[in-house]
Amino acid sequence: MIHPARYHSLGELLQDAFLQYPSDTAAVEVDRDRELARLTYAEVRQAVRRVAGWLTTQRLHDGARVGIVMSNQSSWLIAAAAILHVGSVIVPLDSRATGAEQSILLKHAKVDGLFVDAHLRAALVTTARVVVVTGAREEPEGATRMEDALAHDGEVDLTPRTRDDLAAIVYSSGTGGDPKGCLLTHGNYLAQYQSLMETFEWRRGDVYFSILPTNHAIDFMCGFIASWATGATVLHQRTLRPEVLVKTMRRFRVTTMSVVPMILRALQRAVQDKLDDAPEGRRKAVGALTTLNAWITQRAPNHRVSRLLLKPVHDAFGGHLRMIFCGGAFTDRALAEFFCDLGIPVVIGYGLTEACTVATVNDLKPFRGDTVGRAVPGVDVRIVNAGPDGVGEVQIAGPTVFAGYLDDPEQTGDAFDGAWLKTGDLGWLDAAHHLHLVGRRKNMIVTPGGKNVYPEDVESAFDKVDVDELCVLAEDYVWPRTGLVGERLVAVVRVHDERRDAARKALAQRNRALPEHKRVGGVLWLDDTFPRTASMKLKRADLASRVRDAHPRDAVEDLA
């Protein structure tokens, strides 16, 4: 493992990693049962240096901005490492966004160059001087094939950078309003990597399953920087179907992965379905062993013991899965506890793009599903303007906090309270310095009785109801009107028709158990999936707009 403290840049860190683990496998790409590519660290080093040499010939070096709009693949990582090698700045974008959205952000970032998948290029409008296309079957007009850049026969030495130099421009919002390009330095990323390295065990030879888009902060850190700095293998799989993911995990002996709650829920269902189909005696045995494992590992995870006690369950995930990072959205406590009791710890954390990756994280010693953990080493968290209940705005300070928003000093100034980053999130700290989140200020609902209600708090009460998706909104937020009399909360729910009656009864039952000011007054049934970001965060404003356009206020059913 390479410690980041002595390095000045990510390029310097990665260069040493390539030299330290030459014969180890750095990256594997698979498509269902077919292995598409396998690269050692020595092969990756050669590829990075060749692409870096080619970038230099194109004057894409020493501070140039280079965008990446690609699906998860080894070429994404090679391109990023090459950009860092020549001292340029990565602009990673979501490959699943629309071409129009990508074009707006590329223009805002003023990119000089662009790496893009062939099937995405046609939808893009860019003024980038140089375009590199991956997966092109023939020579692209006005662009260069990635294969040609990889075949470049000239290599260049690493361009020195300092910790204060810019490493990436990462967009924390979509294209509505003013795009926010977060300026993240080499120091931000090195400090973040060091904090994670000091908190969790990273092993040479680990297999990290890259599921989230690599432009996502969590996967950029865990599936690129941390994995390669520790000599791990990064595994890319082209489909995210749960049954295929599990099969791939078994085949390649996955040890760590990062997911969003939606994927974690799908994995839970896969386990639960198998248990439900098992004979009664086996179900009882698994239940007893799960209880025993939870008791033995209550202070800290012990993969060896858990795998011994619950071998069939662990074997279903390949037998080597030690840890799952879960973020990007609120993680249900019961969902995380389900896996932790089985001996597959789920790391719950809290972060935002402006703080690089994570600001707080549960270190699993012991596991606590009721919080998002303590501040990572080197980072401070405080609560400002707390009310009588201790809830106030979460603010963050430390070396992982970004340098500001691109070309926007006004928004940058508004984001800070002195040296403290104003997150806009609401929470409180307990006696053990664990952070509890209750919602975002902009999503806060004020009831007619003057009570503040946080949608995430209400939604968590319905976590165990068998529906596909659920969101709580203020009725007058969806259908604006003058005055606040009669305002109520509405649960917007997506569920198959045959399960609707059962869902309605379960919702009503749980609703009655809530405090009166938090109770949902109505339910609206939707057929379409909810709009979400690449990291699967719910787009509440977009959902409200969609509901408003498609349904009148009287479509809401009363929820007794």
Protein backbone atom coordinates (compact mmCIF):
# COMPACT_ATOMS: atom_id res chain seq x y z
CA MET A 1 0.00 0.00 0.00
CA ILE A 2 1.30 3.45 -0.92
CA HIS A 3 0.80 6.12 1.74
CA PRO A 4 -0.26 9.46 0.21
CA ALA A 5 1.35 11.75 2.79
CA ARG A 6 4.62 12.13 0.88
CA TYR A 7 3.05 12.86 -2.50
CA HIS A 8 2.26 16.20 -4.08
CA SER A 9 -0.12 15.04 -6.83
CA LEU A 10 -2.35 12.18 -7.93
CA GLY A 11 -0.18 11.63 -11.00
CA GLU A 12 2.86 11.11 -8.78
CA LEU A 13 0.94 8.69 -6.55
CA LEU A 14 -0.33 6.61 -9.48
CA GLN A 15 3.08 6.54 -11.18
CA ASP A 16 4.60 4.87 -8.10
CA ALA A 17 1.67 2.44 -7.88
CA PHE A 18 2.25 1.29 -11.45
CA LEU A 19 5.89 0.63 -10.61
CA GLN A 20 5.21 -1.10 -7.29
CA TYR A 21 2.67 -3.70 -8.55
CA PRO A 22 3.88 -4.44 -12.13
CA SER A 23 2.63 -8.03 -12.46
CA ASP A 24 -0.60 -7.57 -10.48
CA THR A 25 -3.91 -7.30 -12.36
CA ALA A 26 -5.02 -3.68 -12.45
CA ALA A 27 -8.25 -3.90 -14.48
CA VAL A 28 -10.69 -6.45 -15.85
CA GLU A 29 -13.66 -5.85 -18.15
CA VAL A 30 -16.47 -8.37 -18.58
CA ASP A 31 -19.72 -8.57 -20.48
CA ARG A 32 -21.86 -11.24 -18.82
CA ASP A 33 -19.84 -14.47 -19.22
CA ARG A 34 -17.25 -13.02 -21.58
CA GLU A 35 -14.02 -11.41 -20.40
CA LEU A 36 -13.27 -8.47 -22.69
CA ALA A 37 -9.96 -7.23 -21.30
CA ARG A 38 -7.40 -7.87 -18.55
CA LEU A 39 -4.50 -5.50 -17.87
CA THR A 40 -1.58 -5.70 -15.45
CA TYR A 41 -0.20 -2.62 -13.74
CA ALA A 42 2.80 -2.72 -16.08
CA GLU A 43 0.46 -2.73 -19.07
CA VAL A 44 -1.57 0.11 -17.62
CA ARG A 45 1.62 2.11 -16.99
CA GLN A 46 2.65 1.71 -20.62
CA ALA A 47 -0.83 2.67 -21.85
CA VAL A 48 -0.95 5.75 -19.61
CA ARG A 49 2.48 6.94 -20.71
CA ARG A 50 1.62 6.47 -24.39
CA VAL A 51 -1.66 8.35 -24.12
CA ALA A 52 0.14 11.02 -22.07
CA GLY A 53 2.72 11.35 -24.83
CA TRP A 54 -0.02 11.72 -27.41
CA LEU A 55 -1.81 14.36 -25.26
CA THR A 56 1.42 16.36 -25.19
CA THR A 57 1.61 16.36 -28.99
CA GLN A 58 -1.92 17.81 -29.00
CA ARG A 59 -1.01 20.53 -26.46
CA LEU A 60 -3.39 18.99 -23.94
CA HIS A 61 -0.98 19.31 -21.05
CA ASP A 62 0.04 21.61 -18.19
CA GLY A 63 -3.39 22.76 -17.02
CA ALA A 64 -5.50 21.98 -20.08
CA ARG A 65 -9.05 20.87 -19.31
CA VAL A 66 -10.00 17.48 -20.70
CA GLY A 67 -13.51 16.05 -20.45
CA ILE A 68 -14.39 12.38 -20.09
CA VAL A 69 -17.83 11.17 -21.22
CA MET A 70 -17.48 7.39 -21.17
CA SER A 71 -19.12 4.37 -19.61
CA ASN A 72 -17.21 2.37 -16.97
CA GLN A 73 -14.21 0.72 -18.62
CA SER A 74 -10.44 0.50 -18.29
CA SER A 75 -10.03 3.19 -20.97
CA TRP A 76 -11.78 5.64 -18.61
CA LEU A 77 -9.15 5.05 -15.94
CA ILE A 78 -6.26 5.12 -18.43
CA ALA A 79 -7.49 8.40 -19.90
CA ALA A 80 -7.87 9.95 -16.44
CA ALA A 81 -4.42 8.78 -15.32
CA ALA A 82 -2.88 10.14 -18.53
CA ILE A 83 -4.54 13.52 -18.05
CA LEU A 84 -3.12 13.68 -14.52
CA HIS A 85 0.30 12.51 -15.77
CA VAL A 86 0.67 15.55 -18.05
CA GLY A 87 -0.56 17.97 -15.38
CA SER A 88 -3.97 18.64 -16.93
CA VAL A 89 -7.42 18.81 -15.35
CA ILE A 90 -10.08 16.08 -15.58
CA VAL A 91 -13.69 17.11 -16.28
CA PRO A 92 -15.65 13.87 -15.63
CA LEU A 93 -19.27 13.87 -16.82
CA ASP A 94 -22.14 11.43 -16.50
CA SER A 95 -22.28 9.26 -19.61
CA ARG A 96 -25.98 8.58 -18.95
CA ALA A 97 -26.99 12.24 -19.11
CA THR A 98 -28.49 13.57 -22.31
CA GLY A 99 -26.26 14.97 -25.02
CA ALA A 100 -27.77 18.40 -24.43
CA GLU A 101 -26.93 18.26 -20.72
CA GLN A 102 -23.39 17.07 -21.40
CA SER A 103 -22.88 19.78 -24.02
CA ILE A 104 -23.88 22.54 -21.61
CA LEU A 105 -21.40 21.36 -19.00
CA LEU A 106 -18.58 20.88 -21.51
CA LYS A 107 -19.15 24.44 -22.69
CA HIS A 108 -19.26 25.74 -19.12
CA ALA A 109 -15.97 23.99 -18.30
CA LYS A 110 -14.33 25.32 -21.50
CA VAL A 111 -12.73 21.96 -22.21
CA ASP A 112 -9.76 21.82 -24.54
CA GLY A 113 -10.04 18.08 -25.20
CA LEU A 114 -12.56 15.29 -24.83
CA PHE A 115 -12.59 11.50 -24.45
CA VAL A 116 -16.01 10.19 -25.49
CA ASP A 117 -17.65 6.86 -26.34
CA ALA A 118 -18.45 6.49 -30.03
CA HIS A 119 -22.18 5.99 -29.48
CA LEU A 120 -22.40 9.19 -27.41
CA ARG A 121 -20.46 11.51 -29.67
CA ALA A 122 -23.25 12.30 -32.15
CA ALA A 123 -25.45 13.80 -29.42
CA LEU A 124 -22.70 16.13 -28.19
CA VAL A 125 -21.99 19.69 -29.22
CA THR A 126 -18.48 20.68 -28.16
CA THR A 127 -15.86 23.24 -29.09
CA ALA A 128 -13.05 21.02 -27.78
CA ARG A 129 -9.98 21.29 -30.01
CA VAL A 130 -9.24 17.57 -29.74
CA VAL A 131 -11.69 14.68 -29.49
CA VAL A 132 -10.71 11.07 -28.75
CA VAL A 133 -13.36 8.45 -29.50
CA THR A 134 -13.50 5.06 -27.80
CA GLY A 135 -15.20 2.02 -29.32
CA ALA A 136 -15.22 3.46 -32.86
CA ARG A 137 -15.49 0.78 -35.54
CA GLU A 138 -13.99 3.06 -38.18
CA GLU A 139 -11.93 6.23 -38.31
CA PRO A 140 -14.13 9.00 -36.81
CA GLU A 141 -14.40 12.20 -38.77
CA GLY A 142 -12.59 15.08 -37.10
CA ALA A 143 -11.47 12.92 -34.18
CA THR A 144 -8.89 10.33 -33.11
CA ARG A 145 -9.55 6.73 -32.12
CA MET A 146 -8.49 5.74 -28.61
CA GLU A 147 -6.54 2.88 -30.17
CA ASP A 148 -4.40 5.39 -32.06
CA ALA A 149 -3.59 7.32 -28.89
CA LEU A 150 -2.69 4.03 -27.18
CA ALA A 151 -0.37 3.18 -30.08
CA HIS A 152 1.59 6.42 -29.79
CA ASP A 153 5.29 5.56 -29.64
CA GLY A 154 6.47 8.56 -27.63
CA GLU A 155 6.30 8.68 -23.84
CA VAL A 156 6.72 11.72 -21.57
CA ASP A 157 7.87 12.20 -18.01
CA LEU A 158 5.42 13.15 -15.25
CA THR A 159 4.54 16.84 -15.09
CA PRO A 160 5.03 18.01 -11.47
CA ARG A 161 1.99 19.42 -9.70
CA THR A 162 1.46 20.76 -6.18
CA ARG A 163 -1.31 19.94 -3.76
CA ASP A 164 -2.86 23.34 -4.44
CA ASP A 165 -3.09 22.71 -8.19
CA LEU A 166 -6.40 21.78 -9.74
CA ALA A 167 -6.96 18.06 -10.41
CA ALA A 168 -10.62 17.97 -11.51
CA ILE A 169 -13.71 20.05 -12.20
CA VAL A 170 -16.67 18.03 -10.98
CA TYR A 171 -20.27 19.12 -11.47
CA SER A 172 -22.43 18.90 -8.38
CA SER A 173 -25.68 19.82 -10.13
CA GLY A 174 -27.40 19.43 -13.47
CA THR A 175 -27.89 22.04 -16.13
CA GLY A 176 -30.88 23.79 -14.63
CA GLY A 177 -30.00 27.31 -13.51
CA ASP A 178 -26.27 27.91 -13.15
CA PRO A 179 -24.09 24.78 -13.46
CA LYS A 180 -21.81 24.32 -10.46
CA GLY A 181 -18.35 23.15 -11.40
CA CYS A 182 -16.57 22.19 -8.19
CA LEU A 183 -12.83 22.90 -8.24
CA LEU A 184 -11.08 19.96 -6.55
CA THR A 185 -7.33 20.00 -6.01
CA HIS A 186 -4.72 17.27 -5.81
CA GLY A 187 -4.56 18.01 -2.09
CA ASN A 188 -8.32 17.44 -1.72
CA TYR A 189 -8.08 13.97 -3.25
CA LEU A 190 -4.88 12.96 -1.46
CA ALA A 191 -6.36 14.01 1.89
CA GLN A 192 -9.57 12.10 1.16
CA TYR A 193 -7.66 8.96 0.19
CA GLN A 194 -5.53 9.20 3.33
CA SER A 195 -8.60 9.53 5.57
CA LEU A 196 -10.18 6.41 4.03
CA MET A 197 -6.93 4.48 4.20
CA GLU A 198 -6.63 5.25 7.91
CA THR A 199 -10.24 4.21 8.57
CA PHE A 200 -10.59 0.95 6.61
CA GLU A 201 -8.43 -2.00 5.66
CA TRP A 202 -7.32 -1.86 2.03
CA ARG A 203 -5.40 -4.89 0.76
CA ARG A 204 -3.19 -5.52 -2.21
CA GLY A 205 -4.98 -8.02 -4.45
CA ASP A 206 -8.48 -6.88 -3.49
CA VAL A 207 -11.07 -6.93 -6.28
CA TYR A 208 -13.15 -3.75 -6.39
CA PHE A 209 -16.40 -4.06 -8.35
CA SER A 210 -16.98 -0.73 -10.12
CA ILE A 211 -20.77 -0.40 -10.42
CA LEU A 212 -21.44 3.30 -9.92
CA PRO A 213 -20.47 5.58 -12.82
CA THR A 214 -16.76 6.37 -12.55
CA ASN A 215 -17.49 10.10 -12.72
CA HIS A 216 -19.37 9.69 -9.42
CA ALA A 217 -17.31 10.92 -6.45
CA ILE A 218 -17.45 7.59 -4.60
CA ASP A 219 -16.37 5.47 -7.55
CA PHE A 220 -13.74 7.98 -8.69
CA MET A 221 -12.12 7.69 -5.27
CA CYS A 222 -12.68 3.99 -4.51
CA GLY A 223 -12.70 2.56 -8.04
CA PHE A 224 -9.79 4.58 -9.35
CA ILE A 225 -7.51 6.38 -6.87
CA ALA A 226 -7.76 4.11 -3.81
CA SER A 227 -7.91 0.84 -5.74
CA TRP A 228 -4.87 1.52 -7.89
CA ALA A 229 -2.89 3.08 -5.03
CA THR A 230 -3.36 -0.11 -2.99
CA GLY A 231 -2.71 -2.65 -5.75
CA ALA A 232 -6.31 -3.78 -6.19
CA THR A 233 -8.05 -5.01 -9.34
CA VAL A 234 -10.84 -2.80 -10.69
CA LEU A 235 -13.62 -4.91 -12.23
CA HIS A 236 -16.03 -3.42 -14.78
CA GLN A 237 -19.26 -5.20 -15.79
CA ARG A 238 -21.42 -3.91 -18.64
CA THR A 239 -24.80 -4.84 -17.18
CA LEU A 240 -26.21 -4.01 -13.74
CA ARG A 241 -28.88 -6.71 -13.62
CA PRO A 242 -28.75 -8.17 -10.06
CA GLU A 243 -28.55 -11.80 -11.18
CA VAL A 244 -25.60 -10.99 -13.47
CA LEU A 245 -23.87 -8.90 -10.80
CA VAL A 246 -24.02 -11.73 -8.29
CA LYS A 247 -22.71 -14.22 -10.84
CA THR A 248 -19.79 -11.90 -11.65
CA MET A 249 -19.06 -11.42 -7.95
CA ARG A 250 -18.72 -15.18 -7.53
CA ARG A 251 -16.57 -15.63 -10.62
CA PHE A 252 -14.07 -12.87 -9.84
CA ARG A 253 -14.10 -13.11 -6.01
CA VAL A 254 -15.13 -9.50 -5.42
CA THR A 255 -13.95 -8.13 -2.06
CA THR A 256 -15.28 -4.56 -2.05
CA MET A 257 -17.82 -2.49 -3.97
CA SER A 258 -19.74 0.77 -3.79
CA VAL A 259 -23.48 0.86 -4.37
CA VAL A 260 -26.51 3.05 -3.91
CA PRO A 261 -29.39 1.88 -1.67
CA MET A 262 -31.47 0.81 -4.68
CA ILE A 263 -28.83 -1.74 -5.74
CA LEU A 264 -28.34 -2.85 -2.15
CA ARG A 265 -32.08 -3.45 -1.90
CA ALA A 266 -31.97 -5.59 -5.06
CA LEU A 267 -29.16 -7.68 -3.58
CA GLN A 268 -31.16 -8.08 -0.39
CA ARG A 269 -34.13 -9.36 -2.34
CA ALA A 270 -31.91 -11.88 -4.12
CA VAL A 271 -30.76 -13.26 -0.74
CA GLN A 272 -34.23 -13.17 0.79
CA ASP A 273 -35.82 -14.95 -2.18
CA LYS A 274 -33.38 -17.84 -1.80
CA LEU A 275 -34.03 -18.05 1.91
CA ASP A 276 -37.79 -18.00 1.37
CA ASP A 277 -37.50 -20.91 -1.07
CA ALA A 278 -35.37 -22.98 1.32
CA PRO A 279 -36.86 -25.71 3.57
CA GLU A 280 -38.14 -24.52 6.93
CA GLY A 281 -35.32 -26.24 8.81
CA ARG A 282 -32.68 -24.49 6.78
CA ARG A 283 -34.37 -21.12 7.22
CA LYS A 284 -34.40 -21.55 10.98
CA ALA A 285 -30.75 -22.62 10.97
CA VAL A 286 -29.73 -19.57 8.95
CA GLY A 287 -31.75 -17.36 11.29
CA ALA A 288 -30.03 -18.80 14.36
CA LEU A 289 -26.56 -18.50 12.82
CA THR A 290 -27.29 -14.93 11.73
CA THR A 291 -28.22 -14.03 15.31
CA LEU A 292 -25.05 -15.71 16.59
CA ASN A 293 -22.89 -13.91 14.01
CA ALA A 294 -24.44 -10.54 14.88
CA TRP A 295 -23.60 -11.15 18.55
CA ILE A 296 -20.02 -12.26 17.88
CA THR A 297 -19.26 -9.37 15.51
CA GLN A 298 -21.12 -6.64 17.38
CA ARG A 299 -17.90 -4.78 18.24
CA ALA A 300 -16.22 -5.11 14.84
CA PRO A 301 -16.57 -7.17 11.64
CA ASN A 302 -14.81 -10.52 11.42
CA HIS A 303 -15.04 -11.83 7.88
CA ARG A 304 -13.37 -15.14 8.68
CA VAL A 305 -15.85 -15.99 11.46
CA SER A 306 -18.88 -14.75 9.50
CA ARG A 307 -17.94 -16.76 6.44
CA LEU A 308 -17.47 -19.86 8.58
CA LEU A 309 -20.88 -19.49 10.22
CA LEU A 310 -22.82 -18.42 7.12
CA LYS A 311 -20.83 -19.99 4.30
CA PRO A 312 -23.76 -20.59 1.89
CA VAL A 313 -24.83 -16.94 2.11
CA HIS A 314 -21.28 -15.67 1.65
CA ASP A 315 -20.66 -18.10 -1.20
CA ALA A 316 -23.67 -16.62 -3.00
CA PHE A 317 -21.64 -13.39 -3.27
CA GLY A 318 -18.41 -15.14 -4.15
CA GLY A 319 -17.27 -15.87 -0.61
CA HIS A 320 -14.81 -12.96 -0.45
CA LEU A 321 -17.00 -9.86 -0.12
CA ARG A 322 -15.69 -8.04 2.98
CA MET A 323 -17.27 -4.62 2.70
CA ILE A 324 -19.88 -2.61 0.80
CA PHE A 325 -19.76 1.18 0.65
CA CYS A 326 -23.28 2.60 0.32
CA GLY A 327 -23.95 6.22 -0.47
CA GLY A 328 -25.48 8.69 -2.88
CA ALA A 329 -28.83 8.58 -1.08
CA PHE A 330 -30.31 7.84 2.33
CA THR A 331 -29.62 4.26 3.42
CA ASP A 332 -32.34 2.53 5.40
CA ARG A 333 -31.02 1.33 8.75
CA ALA A 334 -32.82 -2.03 8.49
CA LEU A 335 -31.33 -2.61 5.04
CA ALA A 336 -27.77 -2.02 6.26
CA GLU A 337 -28.34 -4.14 9.37
CA PHE A 338 -29.60 -7.02 7.23
CA PHE A 339 -26.20 -7.34 5.56
CA CYS A 340 -24.15 -6.54 8.64
CA ASP A 341 -25.88 -9.31 10.58
CA LEU A 342 -24.86 -11.68 7.78
CA GLY A 343 -21.25 -10.59 8.16
CA ILE A 344 -21.12 -8.35 5.07
CA PRO A 345 -20.59 -4.88 6.59
CA VAL A 346 -22.25 -1.93 4.92
CA VAL A 347 -20.33 1.33 5.29
CA ILE A 348 -22.72 4.25 5.60
CA GLY A 349 -21.28 7.70 5.08
CA TYR A 350 -22.19 11.25 4.24
CA GLY A 351 -20.56 13.51 1.73
CA LEU A 352 -21.04 15.89 -1.12
CA THR A 353 -19.05 16.88 -4.18
CA GLU A 354 -17.84 20.07 -2.51
CA ALA A 355 -16.17 17.93 0.18
CA CYS A 356 -14.50 15.62 -2.38
CA THR A 357 -16.17 12.31 -1.42
CA VAL A 358 -17.14 11.70 2.21
CA ALA A 359 -17.06 13.96 5.27
CA THR A 360 -18.36 11.44 7.80
CA VAL A 361 -18.35 7.66 7.76
CA ASN A 362 -19.23 4.76 10.03
CA ASP A 363 -15.98 2.96 10.82
CA LEU A 364 -17.84 -0.27 11.76
CA LYS A 365 -16.28 -0.32 15.24
CA PRO A 366 -19.03 -0.93 16.06
CA PHE A 367 -21.53 -0.70 13.21
CA ARG A 368 -24.25 1.89 13.79
CA GLY A 369 -27.05 2.03 11.27
CA ASP A 370 -28.76 4.98 12.92
CA THR A 371 -26.10 7.53 11.91
CA VAL A 372 -23.83 8.46 9.02
CA GLY A 373 -20.80 8.13 11.26
CA ARG A 374 -18.12 10.41 12.62
CA ALA A 375 -16.01 12.94 10.73
CA VAL A 376 -13.21 11.25 8.80
CA PRO A 377 -9.65 11.94 10.02
CA GLY A 378 -8.60 15.50 9.30
CA VAL A 379 -12.15 16.80 8.81
CA ASP A 380 -14.27 18.78 11.29
CA VAL A 381 -18.08 18.85 11.40
CA ARG A 382 -20.23 21.32 13.31
CA ILE A 383 -23.93 22.16 13.65
CA VAL A 384 -24.93 25.80 13.18
CA ASN A 385 -28.11 27.58 14.27
CA ALA A 386 -29.42 24.52 16.09
CA GLY A 387 -32.98 24.56 17.36
CA PRO A 388 -34.24 23.19 20.69
CA ASP A 389 -34.03 19.68 19.24
CA GLY A 390 -30.35 20.16 18.36
CA VAL A 391 -31.04 20.14 14.64
CA GLY A 392 -29.20 22.73 12.60
CA GLU A 393 -27.20 23.15 9.42
CA VAL A 394 -24.26 20.79 8.94
CA GLN A 395 -21.01 22.58 8.15
CA ILE A 396 -17.67 21.02 7.20
CA ALA A 397 -14.04 22.18 7.33
CA GLY A 398 -10.80 20.46 6.43
CA PRO A 399 -8.36 19.61 3.63
CA THR A 400 -10.99 17.79 1.55
CA VAL A 401 -13.17 20.90 1.10
CA PHE A 402 -13.12 22.21 -2.46
CA ALA A 403 -11.49 25.41 -3.70
CA GLY A 404 -14.74 26.95 -4.98
CA TYR A 405 -17.05 26.98 -7.99
CA LEU A 406 -15.67 27.49 -11.49
CA ASP A 407 -15.89 31.14 -12.61
CA ASP A 408 -18.43 31.94 -9.91
CA PRO A 409 -17.01 33.92 -7.00
CA GLU A 410 -20.49 34.89 -5.81
CA GLN A 411 -21.69 31.30 -5.37
CA THR A 412 -18.31 30.39 -3.92
CA GLY A 413 -18.66 33.12 -1.30
CA ASP A 414 -22.21 32.01 -0.48
CA ALA A 415 -20.99 28.42 0.03
CA PHE A 416 -18.71 29.33 2.94
CA ASP A 417 -19.06 30.62 6.48
CA GLY A 418 -15.44 31.63 6.96
CA ALA A 419 -13.48 28.40 6.49
CA TRP A 420 -16.61 26.27 6.92
CA LEU A 421 -18.53 24.79 3.98
CA LYS A 422 -22.27 25.36 4.33
CA THR A 423 -23.81 22.08 3.20
CA GLY A 424 -27.48 23.04 3.34
CA ASP A 425 -28.15 19.71 5.04
CA LEU A 426 -29.82 19.45 8.43
CA GLY A 427 -28.66 17.20 11.22
CA TRP A 428 -27.43 16.84 14.78
CA LEU A 429 -24.43 15.35 16.58
CA ASP A 430 -24.82 12.87 19.42
CA ALA A 431 -22.56 12.41 22.44
CA ALA A 432 -20.29 10.05 20.49
CA HIS A 433 -19.86 12.72 17.76
CA HIS A 434 -21.86 10.68 15.25
CA LEU A 435 -23.81 12.74 12.74
CA HIS A 436 -27.55 12.16 12.34
CA LEU A 437 -29.10 13.61 9.16
CA VAL A 438 -32.75 14.62 9.06
CA GLY A 439 -33.07 16.23 5.65
CA ARG A 440 -32.21 19.19 3.46
CA ARG A 441 -33.41 22.69 4.21
CA LYS A 442 -34.86 23.13 0.72
CA ASN A 443 -36.93 19.94 1.10
CA MET A 444 -38.26 20.82 4.53
CA ILE A 445 -42.04 20.80 4.78
CA VAL A 446 -43.88 23.17 7.08
CA THR A 447 -47.24 21.81 8.21
CA PRO A 448 -50.29 24.00 8.88
CA GLY A 449 -49.57 23.59 12.60
CA GLY A 450 -46.13 25.18 12.19
CA LYS A 451 -44.27 21.89 12.54
CA ASN A 452 -41.16 21.33 10.44
CA VAL A 453 -41.25 17.97 8.71
CA TYR A 454 -38.32 16.48 6.81
CA PRO A 455 -39.45 14.25 3.88
CA GLU A 456 -36.63 11.73 4.38
CA ASP A 457 -37.72 11.30 8.00
CA VAL A 458 -41.31 10.52 7.01
CA GLU A 459 -40.25 8.29 4.12
CA SER A 460 -38.15 6.14 6.44
CA ALA A 461 -41.31 5.15 8.29
CA PHE A 462 -42.52 3.41 5.12
CA ASP A 463 -39.23 1.64 4.33
CA LYS A 464 -40.59 -1.85 4.94
CA VAL A 465 -43.74 -1.38 2.86
CA ASP A 466 -43.53 -3.50 -0.28
CA VAL A 467 -43.50 -0.81 -2.98
CA ASP A 468 -41.06 -0.08 -5.78
CA GLU A 469 -40.57 3.63 -5.07
CA LEU A 470 -42.01 6.15 -2.61
CA CYS A 471 -41.54 9.87 -2.07
CA VAL A 472 -43.26 12.30 0.32
CA LEU A 473 -44.12 15.79 -0.95
CA ALA A 474 -46.16 18.73 0.28
CA GLU A 475 -49.41 18.83 -1.68
CA ASP A 476 -49.20 22.61 -2.17
CA TYR A 477 -45.62 22.25 -3.43
CA VAL A 478 -46.88 20.03 -6.23
CA TRP A 479 -50.02 22.06 -6.98
CA PRO A 480 -49.27 25.63 -5.79
CA ARG A 481 -52.13 27.74 -4.48
CA THR A 482 -52.63 30.85 -2.39
CA GLY A 483 -52.76 30.25 1.35
CA LEU A 484 -51.67 27.40 3.59
CA VAL A 485 -55.00 26.24 5.00
CA GLY A 486 -55.59 22.54 4.50
CA GLU A 487 -52.05 21.72 3.33
CA ARG A 488 -51.17 18.05 3.70
CA LEU A 489 -48.43 15.58 2.94
CA VAL A 490 -48.79 13.25 -0.04
CA ALA A 491 -47.03 9.94 -0.60
CA VAL A 492 -46.23 9.47 -4.28
CA VAL A 493 -45.92 5.71 -4.81
CA ARG A 494 -44.94 3.39 -7.65
CA VAL A 495 -46.05 -0.21 -7.27
CA HIS A 496 -47.49 -2.90 -9.54
CA ASP A 497 -51.29 -2.99 -9.68
CA GLU A 498 -51.58 -6.46 -8.15
CA ARG A 499 -49.74 -5.25 -5.02
CA ARG A 500 -51.54 -1.95 -4.70
CA ASP A 501 -54.25 -3.00 -2.24
CA ALA A 502 -51.72 -4.61 0.07
CA ALA A 503 -49.50 -1.54 -0.19
CA ARG A 504 -52.42 0.78 0.61
CA LYS A 505 -53.21 -1.17 3.79
CA ALA A 506 -49.56 -1.29 4.87
CA LEU A 507 -49.11 2.43 4.25
CA ALA A 508 -52.21 3.28 6.26
CA GLN A 509 -51.11 1.06 9.14
CA ARG A 510 -47.66 2.60 9.38
CA ASN A 511 -49.07 6.07 8.84
CA ARG A 512 -51.28 5.75 11.91
CA ALA A 513 -48.21 5.00 14.02
CA LEU A 514 -46.58 8.32 13.10
CA PRO A 515 -46.91 11.52 15.16
CA GLU A 516 -49.90 13.47 13.92
CA HIS A 517 -47.87 16.26 12.28
CA LYS A 518 -45.89 13.72 10.26
CA ARG A 519 -48.82 11.70 8.97
CA VAL A 520 -49.41 11.49 5.24
CA GLY A 521 -52.85 12.68 4.23
CA GLY A 522 -53.04 11.17 0.77
CA VAL A 523 -51.42 8.85 -1.74
CA LEU A 524 -50.91 9.21 -5.48
CA TRP A 525 -50.11 6.15 -7.58
CA LEU A 526 -47.63 6.44 -10.43
CA ASP A 527 -46.74 3.94 -13.14
CA ASP A 528 -43.47 5.48 -14.35
CA THR A 529 -40.14 5.22 -12.57
CA PHE A 530 -39.08 8.26 -10.56
CA PRO A 531 -36.51 10.68 -12.06
CA ARG A 532 -33.08 10.16 -10.50
CA THR A 533 -29.51 11.35 -10.90
CA ALA A 534 -26.65 9.08 -12.02
CA SER A 535 -26.01 8.22 -8.36
CA MET A 536 -29.71 7.33 -7.98
CA LYS A 537 -30.61 10.34 -5.86
CA LEU A 538 -34.25 11.27 -6.24
CA LYS A 539 -34.92 14.47 -8.22
CA ARG A 540 -37.73 15.78 -6.03
CA ALA A 541 -38.37 18.93 -8.03
CA ASP A 542 -38.52 16.96 -11.30
CA LEU A 543 -40.88 14.41 -9.73
CA ALA A 544 -43.17 17.18 -8.45
CA SER A 545 -43.21 18.77 -11.89
CA ARG A 546 -44.00 15.45 -13.56
CA VAL A 547 -46.86 14.78 -11.14
CA ARG A 548 -48.21 18.32 -11.60
CA ASP A 549 -48.25 17.99 -15.39
CA ALA A 550 -49.87 14.56 -15.47
CA HIS A 551 -52.30 14.54 -12.54
CA PRO A 552 -54.80 16.99 -11.04
CA ARG A 553 -54.91 17.61 -7.29
CA ASP A 554 -58.07 15.51 -6.94
CA ALA A 555 -56.21 12.42 -8.19
CA VAL A 556 -54.78 12.10 -4.67
CA GLU A 557 -56.55 9.37 -2.69
CA ASP A 558 -57.20 9.83 1.01
CA LEU A 559 -55.05 7.64 3.21
CA ALA A 560 -57.06 6.59 6.22
